[in-house]
C-alpha atoms as a PDB file:
ATOM      1  CA  MET A   1      75.840  26.829 198.399  1.00  0.00           C
ATOM      2  CA  LYS A   2      77.214  24.070 196.195  1.00  0.00           C
ATOM      3  CA  ARG A   3      76.964  20.299 196.300  1.00  0.00           C
ATOM      4  CA  VAL A   4      80.585  19.168 196.464  1.00  0.00           C
ATOM      5  CA  LEU A   5      81.983  15.672 195.934  1.00  0.00           C
ATOM      6  CA  VAL A   6      85.143  14.853 197.894  1.00  0.00           C
ATOM      7  CA  THR A   7      86.738  11.532 196.951  1.00  0.00           C
ATOM      8  CA  GLY A   8      88.976  10.213 199.706  1.00  0.00           C
ATOM      9  CA  GLY A   9      86.855  12.365 201.998  1.00  0.00           C
ATOM     10  CA  ALA A  10      87.298  10.155 205.070  1.00  0.00           C
ATOM     11  CA  GLY A  11      91.074  10.389 204.878  1.00  0.00           C
ATOM     12  CA  PHE A  12      93.385  12.684 206.792  1.00  0.00           C
ATOM     13  CA  ILE A  13      93.252  15.683 204.451  1.00  0.00           C
ATOM     14  CA  GLY A  14      89.845  14.821 202.990  1.00  0.00           C
ATOM     15  CA  SER A  15      88.066  14.914 206.347  1.00  0.00           C
ATOM     16  CA  HIS A  16      89.453  18.382 207.098  1.00  0.00           C
ATOM     17  CA  LEU A  17      88.328  19.540 203.652  1.00  0.00           C
ATOM     18  CA  CYS A  18      84.809  18.147 204.182  1.00  0.00           C
ATOM     19  CA  GLU A  19      84.652  19.909 207.546  1.00  0.00           C
ATOM     20  CA  ARG A  20      85.691  23.263 206.052  1.00  0.00           C
ATOM     21  CA  LEU A  21      83.243  23.007 203.134  1.00  0.00           C
ATOM     22  CA  LEU A  22      80.367  22.233 205.508  1.00  0.00           C
ATOM     23  CA  ALA A  23      81.366  25.147 207.739  1.00  0.00           C
ATOM     24  CA  ARG A  24      80.974  27.570 204.861  1.00  0.00           C
ATOM     25  CA  GLY A  25      77.548  26.202 203.911  1.00  0.00           C
ATOM     26  CA  ASP A  26      78.218  23.706 201.118  1.00  0.00           C
ATOM     27  CA  GLU A  27      76.599  20.295 200.846  1.00  0.00           C
ATOM     28  CA  VAL A  28      79.232  17.562 200.883  1.00  0.00           C
ATOM     29  CA  LEU A  29      79.135  14.084 199.373  1.00  0.00           C
ATOM     30  CA  CYS A  30      82.073  12.210 200.901  1.00  0.00           C
ATOM     31  CA  VAL A  31      83.190   9.121 198.957  1.00  0.00           C
ATOM     32  CA  ASP A  32      85.750   6.679 200.352  1.00  0.00           C
ATOM     33  CA  ASN A  33      86.513   2.951 200.365  1.00  0.00           C
ATOM     34  CA  PHE A  34      88.235   2.998 203.784  1.00  0.00           C
ATOM     35  CA  PHE A  35      91.437   1.396 202.494  1.00  0.00           C
ATOM     36  CA  THR A  36      93.621   3.845 204.424  1.00  0.00           C
ATOM     37  CA  SER A  37      91.039   6.196 205.929  1.00  0.00           C
ATOM     38  CA  ARG A  38      89.171   5.846 209.210  1.00  0.00           C
ATOM     39  CA  ARG A  39      85.496   6.167 210.150  1.00  0.00           C
ATOM     40  CA  GLN A  40      86.499   8.218 213.199  1.00  0.00           C
ATOM     41  CA  ASN A  41      87.697  10.992 210.875  1.00  0.00           C
ATOM     42  CA  ILE A  42      84.152  11.780 209.744  1.00  0.00           C
ATOM     43  CA  ALA A  43      82.106  10.470 212.696  1.00  0.00           C
ATOM     44  CA  HIS A  44      81.462  14.024 213.933  1.00  0.00           C
ATOM     45  CA  LEU A  45      80.071  15.015 210.521  1.00  0.00           C
ATOM     46  CA  VAL A  46      77.585  12.197 210.072  1.00  0.00           C
ATOM     47  CA  GLY A  47      74.734  13.952 211.890  1.00  0.00           C
ATOM     48  CA  ASN A  48      75.038  17.075 209.743  1.00  0.00           C
ATOM     49  CA  PRO A  49      72.083  17.244 207.291  1.00  0.00           C
ATOM     50  CA  GLN A  50      74.400  18.788 204.687  1.00  0.00           C
ATOM     51  CA  PHE A  51      76.756  15.773 204.825  1.00  0.00           C
ATOM     52  CA  GLU A  52      76.361  12.463 203.021  1.00  0.00           C
ATOM     53  CA  PHE A  53      78.736   9.509 202.972  1.00  0.00           C
ATOM     54  CA  MET A  54      79.040   6.878 200.241  1.00  0.00           C
ATOM     55  CA  ARG A  55      81.349   3.867 200.405  1.00  0.00           C
ATOM     56  CA  HIS A  56      82.797   3.480 196.928  1.00  0.00           C
ATOM     57  CA  ASP A  57      86.091   2.739 195.146  1.00  0.00           C
ATOM     58  CA  ILE A  58      86.725   5.293 192.396  1.00  0.00           C
ATOM     59  CA  THR A  59      88.421   2.711 190.190  1.00  0.00           C
ATOM     60  CA  TRP A  60      84.769   1.981 189.349  1.00  0.00           C
ATOM     61  CA  PRO A  61      82.538   4.597 187.705  1.00  0.00           C
ATOM     62  CA  LEU A  62      80.400   6.798 189.940  1.00  0.00           C
ATOM     63  CA  TYR A  63      77.064   8.269 188.922  1.00  0.00           C
ATOM     64  CA  VAL A  64      76.034  11.190 191.117  1.00  0.00           C
ATOM     65  CA  GLU A  65      74.914  14.790 190.637  1.00  0.00           C
ATOM     66  CA  VAL A  66      77.274  17.431 192.042  1.00  0.00           C
ATOM     67  CA  ASP A  67      78.483  20.961 191.294  1.00  0.00           C
ATOM     68  CA  ARG A  68      82.188  20.466 192.014  1.00  0.00           C
ATOM     69  CA  ILE A  69      84.644  17.613 192.537  1.00  0.00           C
ATOM     70  CA  PHE A  70      87.750  17.404 194.729  1.00  0.00           C
ATOM     71  CA  ASN A  71      89.656  14.234 193.770  1.00  0.00           C
ATOM     72  CA  LEU A  72      91.785  13.187 196.758  1.00  0.00           C
ATOM     73  CA  ALA A  73      91.319   9.408 196.670  1.00  0.00           C
ATOM     74  CA  CYS A  74      94.635   7.537 196.720  1.00  0.00           C
ATOM     75  CA  PRO A  75      96.835   5.993 199.413  1.00  0.00           C
ATOM     76  CA  ALA A  76      99.535   8.590 200.027  1.00  0.00           C
ATOM     77  CA  SER A  77     102.153   7.095 202.338  1.00  0.00           C
ATOM     78  CA  PRO A  78     104.791   4.546 201.227  1.00  0.00           C
ATOM     79  CA  VAL A  79     103.541   1.950 203.721  1.00  0.00           C
ATOM     80  CA  HIS A  80     100.055   2.119 202.234  1.00  0.00           C
ATOM     81  CA  TYR A  81     100.723   2.686 198.543  1.00  0.00           C
ATOM     82  CA  GLN A  82     103.385  -0.045 198.387  1.00  0.00           C
ATOM     83  CA  PHE A  83     101.047  -2.575 200.046  1.00  0.00           C
ATOM     84  CA  ASP A  84      99.212  -3.080 196.727  1.00  0.00           C
ATOM     85  CA  PRO A  85     101.140  -1.095 194.113  1.00  0.00           C
ATOM     86  CA  VAL A  86      98.991  -2.232 191.181  1.00  0.00           C
ATOM     87  CA  GLN A  87      95.861  -1.001 192.939  1.00  0.00           C
ATOM     88  CA  THR A  88      97.632   2.267 193.797  1.00  0.00           C
ATOM     89  CA  THR A  89      98.318   2.904 190.104  1.00  0.00           C
ATOM     90  CA  LYS A  90      94.744   1.953 189.225  1.00  0.00           C
ATOM     91  CA  THR A  91      93.399   4.394 191.812  1.00  0.00           C
ATOM     92  CA  SER A  92      95.427   7.252 190.340  1.00  0.00           C
ATOM     93  CA  VAL A  93      94.814   6.424 186.677  1.00  0.00           C
ATOM     94  CA  HIS A  94      91.433   4.668 186.485  1.00  0.00           C
ATOM     95  CA  GLY A  95      90.184   6.887 189.298  1.00  0.00           C
ATOM     96  CA  ALA A  96      91.197  10.021 187.384  1.00  0.00           C
ATOM     97  CA  ILE A  97      89.490   8.735 184.227  1.00  0.00           C
ATOM     98  CA  ASN A  98      86.281   8.013 186.124  1.00  0.00           C
ATOM     99  CA  MET A  99      86.206  11.349 187.942  1.00  0.00           C
ATOM    100  CA  LEU A 100      87.108  13.293 184.794  1.00  0.00           C
ATOM    101  CA  GLY A 101      84.335  11.457 182.964  1.00  0.00           C
ATOM    102  CA  LEU A 102      81.903  12.446 185.690  1.00  0.00           C
ATOM    103  CA  ALA A 103      83.041  16.077 185.552  1.00  0.00           C
ATOM    104  CA  LYS A 104      82.726  16.055 181.766  1.00  0.00           C
ATOM    105  CA  ARG A 105      79.174  14.693 181.898  1.00  0.00           C
ATOM    106  CA  LEU A 106      78.130  17.200 184.557  1.00  0.00           C
ATOM    107  CA  LYS A 107      80.150  20.082 183.052  1.00  0.00           C
ATOM    108  CA  VAL A 108      81.592  20.923 186.477  1.00  0.00           C
ATOM    109  CA  ARG A 109      84.980  21.993 187.824  1.00  0.00           C
ATOM    110  CA  ILE A 110      87.274  19.288 189.182  1.00  0.00           C
ATOM    111  CA  LEU A 111      90.410  19.605 191.318  1.00  0.00           C
ATOM    112  CA  GLN A 112      93.150  16.981 191.300  1.00  0.00           C
ATOM    113  CA  ALA A 113      95.138  16.557 194.498  1.00  0.00           C
ATOM    114  CA  SER A 114      98.516  15.761 192.974  1.00  0.00           C
ATOM    115  CA  THR A 115     101.737  15.579 194.926  1.00  0.00           C
ATOM    116  CA  SER A 116     105.288  16.813 195.273  1.00  0.00           C
ATOM    117  CA  GLU A 117     106.257  13.201 194.533  1.00  0.00           C
ATOM    118  CA  VAL A 118     105.894  14.053 190.838  1.00  0.00           C
ATOM    119  CA  TYR A 119     109.262  15.818 191.275  1.00  0.00           C
ATOM    120  CA  GLY A 120     110.895  12.585 192.489  1.00  0.00           C
ATOM    121  CA  ASP A 121     114.354  13.083 193.972  1.00  0.00           C
ATOM    122  CA  PRO A 122     114.668  16.620 192.629  1.00  0.00           C
ATOM    123  CA  ALA A 123     117.753  18.015 190.936  1.00  0.00           C
ATOM    124  CA  GLN A 124     116.220  21.502 191.277  1.00  0.00           C
ATOM    125  CA  HIS A 125     115.836  23.122 194.691  1.00  0.00           C
ATOM    126  CA  PRO A 126     113.411  24.513 195.657  1.00  0.00           C
ATOM    127  CA  GLN A 127     110.964  22.986 193.209  1.00  0.00           C
ATOM    128  CA  THR A 128     108.946  25.210 190.883  1.00  0.00           C
ATOM    129  CA  GLU A 129     105.935  24.070 188.890  1.00  0.00           C
ATOM    130  CA  LEU A 130     108.015  24.272 185.696  1.00  0.00           C
ATOM    131  CA  TYR A 131     110.392  21.555 186.902  1.00  0.00           C
ATOM    132  CA  TRP A 132     109.670  18.198 185.210  1.00  0.00           C
ATOM    133  CA  GLY A 133     111.086  16.052 187.969  1.00  0.00           C
ATOM    134  CA  ASN A 134     113.556  13.218 188.462  1.00  0.00           C
ATOM    135  CA  VAL A 135     111.495  10.057 188.959  1.00  0.00           C
ATOM    136  CA  ASN A 136     112.512   6.399 188.785  1.00  0.00           C
ATOM    137  CA  PRO A 137     109.679   4.884 186.683  1.00  0.00           C
ATOM    138  CA  ILE A 138     110.385   1.276 187.770  1.00  0.00           C
ATOM    139  CA  GLY A 139     111.258   1.758 191.450  1.00  0.00           C
ATOM    140  CA  PRO A 140     109.171   0.789 194.502  1.00  0.00           C
ATOM    141  CA  ARG A 141     107.706   4.320 194.748  1.00  0.00           C
ATOM    142  CA  ALA A 142     106.757   4.507 191.067  1.00  0.00           C
ATOM    143  CA  CYS A 143     103.218   3.190 191.584  1.00  0.00           C
ATOM    144  CA  TYR A 144     102.450   6.440 193.413  1.00  0.00           C
ATOM    145  CA  ASP A 145     104.863   8.855 191.702  1.00  0.00           C
ATOM    146  CA  GLU A 146     104.080   7.790 188.143  1.00  0.00           C
ATOM    147  CA  GLY A 147     100.423   7.183 188.921  1.00  0.00           C
ATOM    148  CA  LYS A 148     100.070  10.806 190.008  1.00  0.00           C
ATOM    149  CA  ARG A 149     102.091  12.021 187.023  1.00  0.00           C
ATOM    150  CA  CYS A 150      99.798  10.096 184.667  1.00  0.00           C
ATOM    151  CA  ALA A 151      96.747  11.533 186.436  1.00  0.00           C
ATOM    152  CA  GLU A 152      98.074  15.046 185.768  1.00  0.00           C
ATOM    153  CA  THR A 153      98.515  14.083 182.100  1.00  0.00           C
ATOM    154  CA  LEU A 154      94.897  12.942 181.932  1.00  0.00           C
ATOM    155  CA  PHE A 155      93.652  16.127 183.580  1.00  0.00           C
ATOM    156  CA  PHE A 156      95.464  18.353 181.122  1.00  0.00           C
ATOM    157  CA  ASP A 157      94.390  16.254 178.133  1.00  0.00           C
ATOM    158  CA  TYR A 158      90.746  16.544 179.235  1.00  0.00           C
ATOM    159  CA  TYR A 159      91.339  20.277 179.611  1.00  0.00           C
ATOM    160  CA  ARG A 160      92.783  20.612 176.108  1.00  0.00           C
ATOM    161  CA  GLN A 161      90.537  18.096 174.345  1.00  0.00           C
ATOM    162  CA  HIS A 162      87.211  18.667 176.107  1.00  0.00           C
ATOM    163  CA  ASN A 163      87.663  22.173 177.537  1.00  0.00           C
ATOM    164  CA  LEU A 164      87.017  20.757 180.997  1.00  0.00           C
ATOM    165  CA  GLN A 165      87.410  23.085 183.986  1.00  0.00           C
ATOM    166  CA  ILE A 166      90.348  21.522 185.819  1.00  0.00           C
ATOM    167  CA  ARG A 167      92.436  22.625 188.776  1.00  0.00           C
ATOM    168  CA  VAL A 168      95.671  20.820 189.701  1.00  0.00           C
ATOM    169  CA  ILE A 169      97.586  21.267 192.953  1.00  0.00           C
ATOM    170  CA  ARG A 170     100.801  19.586 194.070  1.00  0.00           C
ATOM    171  CA  ILE A 171     100.700  18.888 197.794  1.00  0.00           C
ATOM    172  CA  PHE A 172     103.946  18.903 199.783  1.00  0.00           C
ATOM    173  CA  ASN A 173     104.371  17.126 203.137  1.00  0.00           C
ATOM    174  CA  THR A 174     101.253  17.832 205.184  1.00  0.00           C
ATOM    175  CA  TYR A 175     100.655  16.928 208.815  1.00  0.00           C
ATOM    176  CA  GLY A 176      98.095  17.467 211.563  1.00  0.00           C
ATOM    177  CA  PRO A 177      95.341  15.801 213.582  1.00  0.00           C
ATOM    178  CA  ARG A 178      93.749  12.688 212.004  1.00  0.00           C
ATOM    179  CA  MET A 179      96.958  11.443 210.451  1.00  0.00           C
ATOM    180  CA  HIS A 180      96.899   7.652 210.413  1.00  0.00           C
ATOM    181  CA  PRO A 181      99.065   6.461 213.325  1.00  0.00           C
ATOM    182  CA  ASN A 182     100.563   3.644 211.241  1.00  0.00           C
ATOM    183  CA  ASP A 183     101.071   5.395 207.922  1.00  0.00           C
ATOM    184  CA  GLY A 184     104.861   5.326 208.167  1.00  0.00           C
ATOM    185  CA  ARG A 185     105.201   9.072 207.566  1.00  0.00           C
ATOM    186  CA  VAL A 186     107.926  10.886 209.398  1.00  0.00           C
ATOM    187  CA  VAL A 187     105.719  13.178 211.545  1.00  0.00           C
ATOM    188  CA  SER A 188     103.298  10.471 212.695  1.00  0.00           C
ATOM    189  CA  ASN A 189     106.153   7.989 213.190  1.00  0.00           C
ATOM    190  CA  PHE A 190     108.193  10.339 215.345  1.00  0.00           C
ATOM    191  CA  ILE A 191     105.234  11.463 217.465  1.00  0.00           C
ATOM    192  CA  ALA A 192     103.946   7.926 218.079  1.00  0.00           C
ATOM    193  CA  GLN A 193     107.419   6.642 218.925  1.00  0.00           C
ATOM    194  CA  ALA A 194     108.135   9.560 221.235  1.00  0.00           C
ATOM    195  CA  LEU A 195     104.836   9.252 223.095  1.00  0.00           C
ATOM    196  CA  LYS A 196     105.305   5.509 223.566  1.00  0.00           C
ATOM    197  CA  GLY A 197     108.894   5.950 224.735  1.00  0.00           C
ATOM    198  CA  LYS A 198     110.225   3.898 221.830  1.00  0.00           C
ATOM    199  CA  PRO A 199     113.370   4.766 219.855  1.00  0.00           C
ATOM    200  CA  ILE A 200     112.782   7.518 217.290  1.00  0.00           C
ATOM    201  CA  THR A 201     113.942   5.981 214.014  1.00  0.00           C
ATOM    202  CA  LEU A 202     115.614   8.198 211.411  1.00  0.00           C
ATOM    203  CA  PHE A 203     116.413   6.896 207.949  1.00  0.00           C
ATOM    204  CA  GLY A 204     119.782   7.899 206.538  1.00  0.00           C
ATOM    205  CA  THR A 205     121.846  10.456 208.432  1.00  0.00           C
ATOM    206  CA  GLY A 206     118.899  12.709 209.257  1.00  0.00           C
ATOM    207  CA  SER A 207     120.402  15.452 207.113  1.00  0.00           C
ATOM    208  CA  GLN A 208     117.790  15.048 204.368  1.00  0.00           C
ATOM    209  CA  SER A 209     115.284  17.903 204.472  1.00  0.00           C
ATOM    210  CA  ARG A 210     111.537  18.316 204.133  1.00  0.00           C
ATOM    211  CA  SER A 211     108.998  21.126 204.348  1.00  0.00           C
ATOM    212  CA  PHE A 212     105.979  20.556 206.580  1.00  0.00           C
ATOM    213  CA  CYS A 213     102.604  22.219 205.989  1.00  0.00           C
ATOM    214  CA  TYR A 214      99.885  22.126 208.643  1.00  0.00           C
ATOM    215  CA  VAL A 215      96.637  20.677 207.296  1.00  0.00           C
ATOM    216  CA  ASP A 216      94.518  23.806 207.992  1.00  0.00           C
ATOM    217  CA  ASP A 217      96.841  25.875 205.817  1.00  0.00           C
ATOM    218  CA  LEU A 218      96.688  23.309 203.041  1.00  0.00           C
ATOM    219  CA  VAL A 219      92.879  23.165 203.027  1.00  0.00           C
ATOM    220  CA  THR A 220      92.732  26.955 202.778  1.00  0.00           C
ATOM    221  CA  GLY A 221      94.953  26.742 199.698  1.00  0.00           C
ATOM    222  CA  MET A 222      92.894  23.952 198.142  1.00  0.00           C
ATOM    223  CA  ILE A 223      89.654  25.894 198.449  1.00  0.00           C
ATOM    224  CA  ALA A 224      91.299  29.068 197.164  1.00  0.00           C
ATOM    225  CA  MET A 225      92.501  27.161 194.107  1.00  0.00           C
ATOM    226  CA  MET A 226      89.068  25.688 193.428  1.00  0.00           C
ATOM    227  CA  ASP A 227      87.203  28.977 193.895  1.00  0.00           C
ATOM    228  CA  GLN A 228      89.302  31.179 191.592  1.00  0.00           C
ATOM    229  CA  ASP A 229      88.592  31.381 187.846  1.00  0.00           C
ATOM    230  CA  GLU A 230      92.003  32.275 186.384  1.00  0.00           C
ATOM    231  CA  LEU A 231      94.551  29.597 187.219  1.00  0.00           C
ATOM    232  CA  VAL A 232      94.423  25.985 186.003  1.00  0.00           C
ATOM    233  CA  GLY A 233      97.682  24.829 187.584  1.00  0.00           C
ATOM    234  CA  PRO A 234      99.669  22.945 188.532  1.00  0.00           C
ATOM    235  CA  VAL A 235     100.279  24.947 191.711  1.00  0.00           C
ATOM    236  CA  ASN A 236     102.557  23.989 194.586  1.00  0.00           C
ATOM    237  CA  LEU A 237     100.850  24.013 197.989  1.00  0.00           C
ATOM    238  CA  GLY A 238     103.199  23.545 200.900  1.00  0.00           C
ATOM    239  CA  ASN A 239     105.215  25.319 203.539  1.00  0.00           C
ATOM    240  CA  PRO A 240     108.549  26.655 202.199  1.00  0.00           C
ATOM    241  CA  GLY A 241     110.148  26.413 205.646  1.00  0.00           C
ATOM    242  CA  GLU A 242     112.835  23.710 205.390  1.00  0.00           C
ATOM    243  CA  PHE A 243     113.901  21.421 208.231  1.00  0.00           C
ATOM    244  CA  THR A 244     116.213  18.446 208.379  1.00  0.00           C
ATOM    245  CA  ILE A 245     114.698  15.195 209.593  1.00  0.00           C
ATOM    246  CA  LEU A 246     117.020  15.342 212.603  1.00  0.00           C
ATOM    247  CA  GLU A 247     115.712  18.822 213.468  1.00  0.00           C
ATOM    248  CA  LEU A 248     112.158  17.476 213.273  1.00  0.00           C
ATOM    249  CA  ALA A 249     112.981  14.522 215.529  1.00  0.00           C
ATOM    250  CA  THR A 250     114.631  16.811 218.064  1.00  0.00           C
ATOM    251  CA  MET A 251     111.616  19.157 218.082  1.00  0.00           C
ATOM    252  CA  VAL A 252     109.150  16.278 218.509  1.00  0.00           C
ATOM    253  CA  LYS A 253     111.227  14.871 221.380  1.00  0.00           C
ATOM    254  CA  GLU A 254     111.253  18.271 223.076  1.00  0.00           C
ATOM    255  CA  LEU A 255     107.517  18.969 222.625  1.00  0.00           C
ATOM    256  CA  THR A 256     106.466  15.522 223.854  1.00  0.00           C
ATOM    257  CA  GLY A 257     108.889  15.569 226.774  1.00  0.00           C
ATOM    258  CA  SER A 258     110.044  12.145 225.621  1.00  0.00           C
ATOM    259  CA  LYS A 259     113.201  10.417 226.740  1.00  0.00           C
ATOM    260  CA  SER A 260     113.313   8.296 223.571  1.00  0.00           C
ATOM    261  CA  GLU A 261     116.703   7.844 221.981  1.00  0.00           C
ATOM    262  CA  ILE A 262     117.213   8.752 218.320  1.00  0.00           C
ATOM    263  CA  VAL A 263     118.463   5.837 216.196  1.00  0.00           C
ATOM    264  CA  PHE A 264     119.492   5.703 212.541  1.00  0.00           C
ATOM    265  CA  GLN A 265     118.523   3.184 209.874  1.00  0.00           C
ATOM    266  CA  PRO A 266     119.417   2.806 206.154  1.00  0.00           C
ATOM    267  CA  LEU A 267     117.692   5.191 203.733  1.00  0.00           C
ATOM    268  CA  PRO A 268     114.932   3.547 201.607  1.00  0.00           C
ATOM    269  CA  GLN A 269     115.403   3.331 197.833  1.00  0.00           C
ATOM    270  CA  ASP A 270     114.571   6.508 195.868  1.00  0.00           C
ATOM    271  CA  ASP A 271     113.831   8.503 199.021  1.00  0.00           C
ATOM    272  CA  PRO A 272     114.310  12.211 198.105  1.00  0.00           C
ATOM    273  CA  VAL A 273     117.260  13.957 199.720  1.00  0.00           C
ATOM    274  CA  ARG A 274     115.718  17.445 199.671  1.00  0.00           C
ATOM    275  CA  ARG A 275     112.257  18.759 199.070  1.00  0.00           C
ATOM    276  CA  ARG A 276     110.906  22.292 199.423  1.00  0.00           C
ATOM    277  CA  PRO A 277     108.179  24.055 197.447  1.00  0.00           C
ATOM    278  CA  ASP A 278     108.564  27.310 195.607  1.00  0.00           C
ATOM    279  CA  ILE A 279     105.155  28.879 196.312  1.00  0.00           C
ATOM    280  CA  THR A 280     105.654  32.091 194.340  1.00  0.00           C
ATOM    281  CA  LEU A 281     102.751  31.190 192.050  1.00  0.00           C
ATOM    282  CA  ALA A 282     100.349  30.414 194.911  1.00  0.00           C
ATOM    283  CA  LYS A 283     101.236  33.672 196.649  1.00  0.00           C
ATOM    284  CA  ALA A 284     100.760  35.736 193.482  1.00  0.00           C
ATOM    285  CA  LYS A 285      97.613  34.121 192.086  1.00  0.00           C
ATOM    286  CA  LEU A 286      95.849  32.648 195.121  1.00  0.00           C
ATOM    287  CA  HIS A 287      97.102  35.177 197.693  1.00  0.00           C
ATOM    288  CA  TRP A 288      97.919  32.129 199.788  1.00  0.00           C
ATOM    289  CA  GLU A 289     100.798  31.167 202.009  1.00  0.00           C
ATOM    290  CA  PRO A 290     101.018  29.070 205.184  1.00  0.00           C
ATOM    291  CA  THR A 291     100.550  30.865 208.492  1.00  0.00           C
ATOM    292  CA  ILE A 292     101.016  28.113 211.103  1.00  0.00           C
ATOM    293  CA  PRO A 293     104.628  27.561 212.270  1.00  0.00           C
ATOM    294  CA  LEU A 294     105.919  23.997 212.574  1.00  0.00           C
ATOM    295  CA  ARG A 295     106.208  24.175 216.365  1.00  0.00           C
ATOM    296  CA  ASP A 296     102.565  25.272 216.752  1.00  0.00           C
ATOM    297  CA  GLY A 297     101.298  22.661 214.302  1.00  0.00           C
ATOM    298  CA  LEU A 298     103.275  19.906 215.976  1.00  0.00           C
ATOM    299  CA  THR A 299     101.876  20.892 219.378  1.00  0.00           C
ATOM    300  CA  ARG A 300      98.311  20.455 218.053  1.00  0.00           C
ATOM    301  CA  THR A 301      99.208  17.188 216.319  1.00  0.00           C
ATOM    302  CA  ILE A 302     100.880  15.789 219.438  1.00  0.00           C
ATOM    303  CA  ALA A 303      97.744  16.577 221.472  1.00  0.00           C
ATOM    304  CA  PHE A 304      95.690  14.551 218.958  1.00  0.00           C
ATOM    305  CA  PHE A 305      98.074  11.603 219.074  1.00  0.00           C
ATOM    306  CA  ARG A 306      98.282  11.730 222.864  1.00  0.00           C
ATOM    307  CA  GLU A 307      94.513  11.247 223.034  1.00  0.00           C
ATOM    308  CA  LEU A 308      94.419   8.713 220.202  1.00  0.00           C
ATOM    309  CA  LEU A 309      97.142   6.550 221.746  1.00  0.00           C
ATOM    310  CA  SER A 310      95.891   7.220 225.310  1.00  0.00           C
ATOM    311  CA  VAL A 311      99.357   7.960 226.646  1.00  0.00           C
ATOM    312  CA  GLY A 312     100.678  10.640 228.978  1.00  0.00           C
END
């Protein structure tokens, strides 16, 4: 049993991670400032004697005693991270400095939840960990993209300079129950629109592609990365299955039984045209790959949203 700190632990992915760590017997200290997360995500964990919650913003130092740190804290959807872009950058950069400082003081292992956004609008497809990316450093997405890139820099400098035990993963599009209904992401948008009978809005022509990883698969990969002693990272974690946005919209419409029409809107600036992870490294070193097909994961996610939105 370990005492594990999860920053951003009340968020979509963080709450699933907390749940899994508790299930295997760890003590969990969940830290969150509720900027984009929701109390409902962790309400079922509050009565667990192994679970503790602390409201805190990691742009400020944190003084606790733990054995391991998962650093997930940062708004992750364009709607949320562009709301206060300066604070988004601070969360990635100052937050990384504070959590790395804590890990250094405690001499414990720390995992950084980085993102496929570090690849920007990639010129390489699929994306391997060796690809340096194609990012606009002054665009509207840069607060998140460059913030996460800088956080990776800090992690590897602490690793080289202080011999800190770091682990870095790059998360590709993840979906599942507890997604924020108003986060502006394509899966939550399509499901909410379909269930409400509103037009399903596609940006661009719908031919741009993404890869969608169900949250349970992702959490399995995160824990595998933290538990192993060989690989520092970065490691891509995502589902290599590739779907166009139009294919996703059509599948959501079918699974919800919605009669919503599909409408098209202009593509936002710097929105990637294609994104798919090369997970060769994760398969070889972590013995990890996703197991939940998109149709099955969407069915579970739709059931969550149906209850959340109280429709159908």
